[in-house]
Amino acid sequence: MTTKTLTIDVPHRLTQDEARTRIAAGVTEAREKYTGSFARIEERWTGNHLDFHVGILGQSVTGRVDVGQDAVHIEVDLPWLLAALAGRIHPQLQDHTRKMLEAPNKS
């Protein structure tokens, strides 16, 4: 059984703190929106680094997000069952991340 790691880099023109704030807000929004769909959602921020774990469809998905000064780097480890969907997941995750980083500042 093979796993597949999706790697996504999304550039941004925000400060690193603003990019981290927007990514954190997006994670919180996803948690609230999809709580009923996921068996378990865990996240742990350490500075500008996020480790996460999601239980979905009886599968365990883990990943990492690093918020840099000019880009957000995402790695998602998909188990064999979900690895077949990597081609669909990659562009959706990339697009969603780009929208979070391009969203107007609500301040």
N, C-alpha and C. Protein backbone atom coordinates (compact mmCIF):
# COMPACT_ATOMS: atom_id res chain seq x y z
N MET A 1 0.84 -1.17 0.00
CA MET A 1 0.00 0.00 0.00
C MET A 1 0.89 1.24 0.00
N THR A 2 0.62 2.13 -0.93
CA THR A 2 1.45 3.29 -1.13
C THR A 2 0.78 4.56 -0.66
N THR A 3 1.56 5.44 -0.07
CA THR A 3 1.06 6.76 0.26
C THR A 3 1.60 7.74 -0.77
N LYS A 4 0.98 8.90 -0.85
CA LYS A 4 1.44 9.93 -1.77
C LYS A 4 1.48 11.25 -1.01
N THR A 5 2.57 11.98 -1.17
CA THR A 5 2.69 13.29 -0.54
C THR A 5 2.45 14.37 -1.58
N LEU A 6 1.42 15.18 -1.33
CA LEU A 6 1.17 16.36 -2.16
C LEU A 6 2.04 17.48 -1.64
N THR A 7 2.70 18.19 -2.54
CA THR A 7 3.52 19.34 -2.17
C THR A 7 3.01 20.54 -2.94
N ILE A 8 2.70 21.59 -2.21
CA ILE A 8 2.13 22.79 -2.81
C ILE A 8 2.85 24.01 -2.26
N ASP A 9 3.25 24.92 -3.14
CA ASP A 9 3.82 26.19 -2.74
C ASP A 9 2.95 27.30 -3.31
N VAL A 10 2.49 28.18 -2.43
CA VAL A 10 1.62 29.29 -2.85
C VAL A 10 2.30 30.60 -2.44
N PRO A 11 2.74 31.39 -3.42
CA PRO A 11 3.38 32.66 -3.08
C PRO A 11 2.36 33.66 -2.52
N HIS A 12 2.86 34.61 -1.74
CA HIS A 12 1.99 35.67 -1.22
C HIS A 12 2.78 36.97 -1.13
N ARG A 13 2.05 38.06 -0.99
CA ARG A 13 2.67 39.39 -0.86
C ARG A 13 2.30 40.03 0.48
N LEU A 14 1.99 39.21 1.45
CA LEU A 14 1.61 39.67 2.78
C LEU A 14 2.82 39.63 3.69
N THR A 15 2.66 40.21 4.89
CA THR A 15 3.69 39.97 5.89
C THR A 15 3.55 38.52 6.32
N GLN A 16 4.59 37.98 6.87
CA GLN A 16 4.54 36.59 7.33
C GLN A 16 3.47 36.42 8.40
N ASP A 17 3.36 37.40 9.31
CA ASP A 17 2.34 37.31 10.36
C ASP A 17 0.93 37.33 9.79
N GLU A 18 0.67 38.20 8.80
CA GLU A 18 -0.66 38.26 8.19
C GLU A 18 -0.97 36.96 7.44
N ALA A 19 0.01 36.41 6.74
CA ALA A 19 -0.19 35.14 6.03
C ALA A 19 -0.52 34.03 7.03
N ARG A 20 0.21 33.98 8.15
CA ARG A 20 -0.06 32.95 9.17
C ARG A 20 -1.46 33.14 9.74
N THR A 21 -1.85 34.39 10.01
CA THR A 21 -3.18 34.68 10.55
C THR A 21 -4.26 34.20 9.60
N ARG A 22 -4.08 34.43 8.31
CA ARG A 22 -5.08 34.02 7.33
C ARG A 22 -5.14 32.50 7.18
N ILE A 23 -3.99 31.85 7.22
CA ILE A 23 -3.98 30.38 7.14
C ILE A 23 -4.66 29.80 8.38
N ALA A 24 -4.33 30.34 9.55
CA ALA A 24 -4.94 29.86 10.80
C ALA A 24 -6.46 30.06 10.76
N ALA A 25 -6.92 31.20 10.25
CA ALA A 25 -8.35 31.46 10.14
C ALA A 25 -9.01 30.48 9.18
N GLY A 26 -8.32 30.16 8.09
CA GLY A 26 -8.85 29.19 7.13
C GLY A 26 -8.96 27.80 7.71
N VAL A 27 -7.99 27.42 8.53
CA VAL A 27 -8.03 26.11 9.20
C VAL A 27 -9.20 26.07 10.17
N THR A 28 -9.39 27.15 10.93
CA THR A 28 -10.51 27.22 11.87
C THR A 28 -11.84 27.14 11.12
N GLU A 29 -11.95 27.86 10.02
CA GLU A 29 -13.18 27.84 9.22
C GLU A 29 -13.46 26.44 8.68
N ALA A 30 -12.42 25.76 8.19
CA ALA A 30 -12.59 24.40 7.67
C ALA A 30 -13.02 23.45 8.78
N ARG A 31 -12.43 23.62 9.95
CA ARG A 31 -12.79 22.77 11.10
C ARG A 31 -14.27 22.93 11.41
N GLU A 32 -14.75 24.17 11.46
CA GLU A 32 -16.16 24.44 11.77
C GLU A 32 -17.09 23.95 10.66
N LYS A 33 -16.69 24.14 9.43
CA LYS A 33 -17.53 23.78 8.28
C LYS A 33 -17.63 22.27 8.08
N TYR A 34 -16.52 21.56 8.32
CA TYR A 34 -16.47 20.13 7.99
C TYR A 34 -16.41 19.22 9.20
N THR A 35 -16.68 19.73 10.39
CA THR A 35 -16.59 18.91 11.60
C THR A 35 -17.38 17.61 11.47
N GLY A 36 -18.57 17.64 10.92
CA GLY A 36 -19.39 16.44 10.79
C GLY A 36 -18.84 15.45 9.77
N SER A 37 -18.02 15.93 8.83
CA SER A 37 -17.47 15.07 7.78
C SER A 37 -16.21 14.33 8.23
N PHE A 38 -15.49 14.90 9.17
CA PHE A 38 -14.23 14.31 9.61
C PHE A 38 -14.41 13.59 10.94
N ALA A 39 -13.76 12.45 11.06
CA ALA A 39 -13.82 11.72 12.32
C ALA A 39 -13.00 12.43 13.39
N ARG A 40 -11.91 13.07 12.96
CA ARG A 40 -11.01 13.71 13.92
C ARG A 40 -10.19 14.78 13.19
N ILE A 41 -10.03 15.91 13.82
CA ILE A 41 -9.17 16.97 13.29
C ILE A 41 -8.27 17.43 14.43
N GLU A 42 -6.98 17.38 14.21
CA GLU A 42 -6.01 17.84 15.21
C GLU A 42 -5.06 18.80 14.52
N GLU A 43 -4.69 19.86 15.21
CA GLU A 43 -3.72 20.81 14.67
C GLU A 43 -2.82 21.31 15.77
N ARG A 44 -1.57 21.58 15.43
CA ARG A 44 -0.62 22.10 16.41
C ARG A 44 0.30 23.10 15.71
N TRP A 45 0.17 24.36 16.12
CA TRP A 45 1.03 25.41 15.60
C TRP A 45 2.27 25.54 16.47
N THR A 46 3.41 25.68 15.84
CA THR A 46 4.66 26.01 16.50
C THR A 46 5.26 27.15 15.69
N GLY A 47 5.07 28.37 16.18
CA GLY A 47 5.52 29.53 15.41
C GLY A 47 4.75 29.60 14.10
N ASN A 48 5.46 29.57 13.00
CA ASN A 48 4.85 29.63 11.67
C ASN A 48 4.74 28.25 11.01
N HIS A 49 4.82 27.22 11.82
CA HIS A 49 4.74 25.83 11.32
C HIS A 49 3.50 25.17 11.92
N LEU A 50 2.72 24.53 11.07
CA LEU A 50 1.52 23.80 11.49
C LEU A 50 1.68 22.32 11.16
N ASP A 51 1.44 21.48 12.16
CA ASP A 51 1.31 20.04 11.94
C ASP A 51 -0.16 19.72 12.11
N PHE A 52 -0.72 18.93 11.18
CA PHE A 52 -2.13 18.59 11.31
C PHE A 52 -2.37 17.12 11.01
N HIS A 53 -3.51 16.66 11.52
CA HIS A 53 -3.94 15.27 11.33
C HIS A 53 -5.45 15.30 11.17
N VAL A 54 -5.92 14.64 10.13
CA VAL A 54 -7.36 14.58 9.87
C VAL A 54 -7.73 13.12 9.64
N GLY A 55 -8.77 12.66 10.32
CA GLY A 55 -9.32 11.34 10.07
C GLY A 55 -10.53 11.49 9.17
N ILE A 56 -10.50 10.87 8.00
CA ILE A 56 -11.60 10.99 7.05
C ILE A 56 -11.77 9.67 6.29
N LEU A 57 -12.99 9.25 6.13
CA LEU A 57 -13.31 8.01 5.40
C LEU A 57 -12.51 6.82 5.92
N GLY A 58 -12.29 6.79 7.23
CA GLY A 58 -11.53 5.69 7.82
C GLY A 58 -10.04 5.75 7.53
N GLN A 59 -9.60 6.86 6.95
CA GLN A 59 -8.19 7.03 6.60
C GLN A 59 -7.58 8.14 7.46
N SER A 60 -6.27 8.10 7.60
CA SER A 60 -5.55 9.09 8.38
C SER A 60 -4.71 9.95 7.43
N VAL A 61 -4.98 11.27 7.43
CA VAL A 61 -4.24 12.22 6.59
C VAL A 61 -3.43 13.11 7.51
N THR A 62 -2.14 13.20 7.27
CA THR A 62 -1.28 14.09 8.04
C THR A 62 -0.63 15.09 7.10
N GLY A 63 -0.18 16.18 7.68
CA GLY A 63 0.48 17.16 6.83
C GLY A 63 1.16 18.24 7.64
N ARG A 64 1.83 19.11 6.88
CA ARG A 64 2.59 20.19 7.46
C ARG A 64 2.39 21.45 6.62
N VAL A 65 2.35 22.58 7.27
CA VAL A 65 2.26 23.86 6.59
C VAL A 65 3.35 24.75 7.17
N ASP A 66 4.16 25.33 6.30
CA ASP A 66 5.16 26.31 6.73
C ASP A 66 4.83 27.63 6.07
N VAL A 67 4.60 28.65 6.90
CA VAL A 67 4.29 29.98 6.40
C VAL A 67 5.60 30.75 6.34
N GLY A 68 6.06 31.01 5.12
CA GLY A 68 7.30 31.74 4.93
C GLY A 68 7.05 33.21 4.67
N GLN A 69 8.11 33.95 4.46
CA GLN A 69 8.00 35.39 4.24
C GLN A 69 7.36 35.73 2.91
N ASP A 70 7.48 34.83 1.92
CA ASP A 70 6.90 35.13 0.61
C ASP A 70 6.12 33.98 -0.01
N ALA A 71 5.95 32.89 0.75
CA ALA A 71 5.19 31.74 0.24
C ALA A 71 4.76 30.84 1.40
N VAL A 72 3.70 30.10 1.13
CA VAL A 72 3.23 29.07 2.07
C VAL A 72 3.54 27.73 1.43
N HIS A 73 4.22 26.88 2.17
CA HIS A 73 4.61 25.55 1.70
C HIS A 73 3.75 24.53 2.43
N ILE A 74 3.06 23.67 1.66
CA ILE A 74 2.15 22.68 2.23
C ILE A 74 2.57 21.30 1.77
N GLU A 75 2.59 20.36 2.69
CA GLU A 75 2.81 18.95 2.37
C GLU A 75 1.68 18.16 3.03
N VAL A 76 1.02 17.34 2.25
CA VAL A 76 -0.08 16.51 2.75
C VAL A 76 0.21 15.06 2.38
N ASP A 77 0.26 14.20 3.39
CA ASP A 77 0.51 12.78 3.18
C ASP A 77 -0.83 12.05 3.05
N LEU A 78 -1.11 11.58 1.85
CA LEU A 78 -2.37 10.88 1.59
C LEU A 78 -2.16 9.37 1.67
N PRO A 79 -3.01 8.67 2.41
CA PRO A 79 -2.92 7.21 2.44
C PRO A 79 -3.34 6.64 1.09
N TRP A 80 -3.09 5.37 0.89
CA TRP A 80 -3.28 4.75 -0.42
C TRP A 80 -4.67 4.97 -1.00
N LEU A 81 -5.70 4.90 -0.16
CA LEU A 81 -7.07 5.04 -0.67
C LEU A 81 -7.31 6.44 -1.23
N LEU A 82 -6.82 7.46 -0.54
CA LEU A 82 -7.00 8.84 -0.99
C LEU A 82 -5.94 9.27 -2.01
N ALA A 83 -4.83 8.54 -2.08
CA ALA A 83 -3.78 8.89 -3.04
C ALA A 83 -4.30 8.86 -4.47
N ALA A 84 -5.29 8.02 -4.74
CA ALA A 84 -5.88 7.95 -6.07
C ALA A 84 -6.59 9.24 -6.45
N LEU A 85 -6.95 10.04 -5.44
CA LEU A 85 -7.65 11.31 -5.68
C LEU A 85 -6.70 12.50 -5.67
N ALA A 86 -5.41 12.26 -5.60
CA ALA A 86 -4.43 13.35 -5.49
C ALA A 86 -4.56 14.36 -6.61
N GLY A 87 -4.85 13.92 -7.81
CA GLY A 87 -4.98 14.83 -8.94
C GLY A 87 -6.13 15.81 -8.79
N ARG A 88 -7.14 15.43 -8.04
CA ARG A 88 -8.28 16.32 -7.78
C ARG A 88 -8.04 17.18 -6.55
N ILE A 89 -7.39 16.61 -5.56
CA ILE A 89 -7.16 17.30 -4.29
C ILE A 89 -6.16 18.44 -4.45
N HIS A 90 -5.08 18.20 -5.19
CA HIS A 90 -4.00 19.18 -5.34
C HIS A 90 -4.50 20.53 -5.83
N PRO A 91 -5.18 20.62 -6.98
CA PRO A 91 -5.61 21.95 -7.45
C PRO A 91 -6.63 22.62 -6.53
N GLN A 92 -7.47 21.83 -5.89
CA GLN A 92 -8.46 22.42 -4.97
C GLN A 92 -7.78 23.02 -3.75
N LEU A 93 -6.81 22.30 -3.19
CA LEU A 93 -6.09 22.80 -2.03
C LEU A 93 -5.26 24.03 -2.40
N GLN A 94 -4.64 23.99 -3.56
CA GLN A 94 -3.84 25.13 -4.02
C GLN A 94 -4.72 26.37 -4.22
N ASP A 95 -5.87 26.18 -4.86
CA ASP A 95 -6.78 27.28 -5.12
C ASP A 95 -7.34 27.85 -3.82
N HIS A 96 -7.72 26.99 -2.89
CA HIS A 96 -8.26 27.43 -1.61
C HIS A 96 -7.21 28.24 -0.83
N THR A 97 -5.97 27.76 -0.83
CA THR A 97 -4.90 28.47 -0.14
C THR A 97 -4.64 29.83 -0.79
N ARG A 98 -4.62 29.87 -2.10
CA ARG A 98 -4.41 31.13 -2.82
C ARG A 98 -5.50 32.14 -2.46
N LYS A 99 -6.75 31.68 -2.41
CA LYS A 99 -7.87 32.58 -2.06
C LYS A 99 -7.74 33.11 -0.64
N MET A 100 -7.29 32.27 0.29
CA MET A 100 -7.09 32.73 1.67
C MET A 100 -6.05 33.85 1.72
N LEU A 101 -5.01 33.70 0.93
CA LEU A 101 -3.91 34.66 0.96
C LEU A 101 -4.21 35.93 0.16
N GLU A 102 -5.19 35.85 -0.75
CA GLU A 102 -5.56 37.01 -1.57
C GLU A 102 -6.76 37.73 -1.01
N ALA A 103 -7.42 37.16 -0.03
CA ALA A 103 -8.63 37.76 0.53
C ALA A 103 -8.33 39.14 1.08
N PRO A 104 -9.25 40.08 0.89
CA PRO A 104 -9.02 41.43 1.42
C PRO A 104 -8.93 41.40 2.94
N ASN A 105 -8.12 42.27 3.45
CA ASN A 105 -7.96 42.39 4.90
C ASN A 105 -9.25 42.93 5.50
N LYS A 106 -9.79 42.26 6.51
CA LYS A 106 -11.06 42.66 7.12
C LYS A 106 -10.88 43.70 8.23
N SER A 107 -9.68 44.15 8.45
CA SER A 107 -9.45 45.15 9.52
C SER A 107 -9.92 46.51 9.11
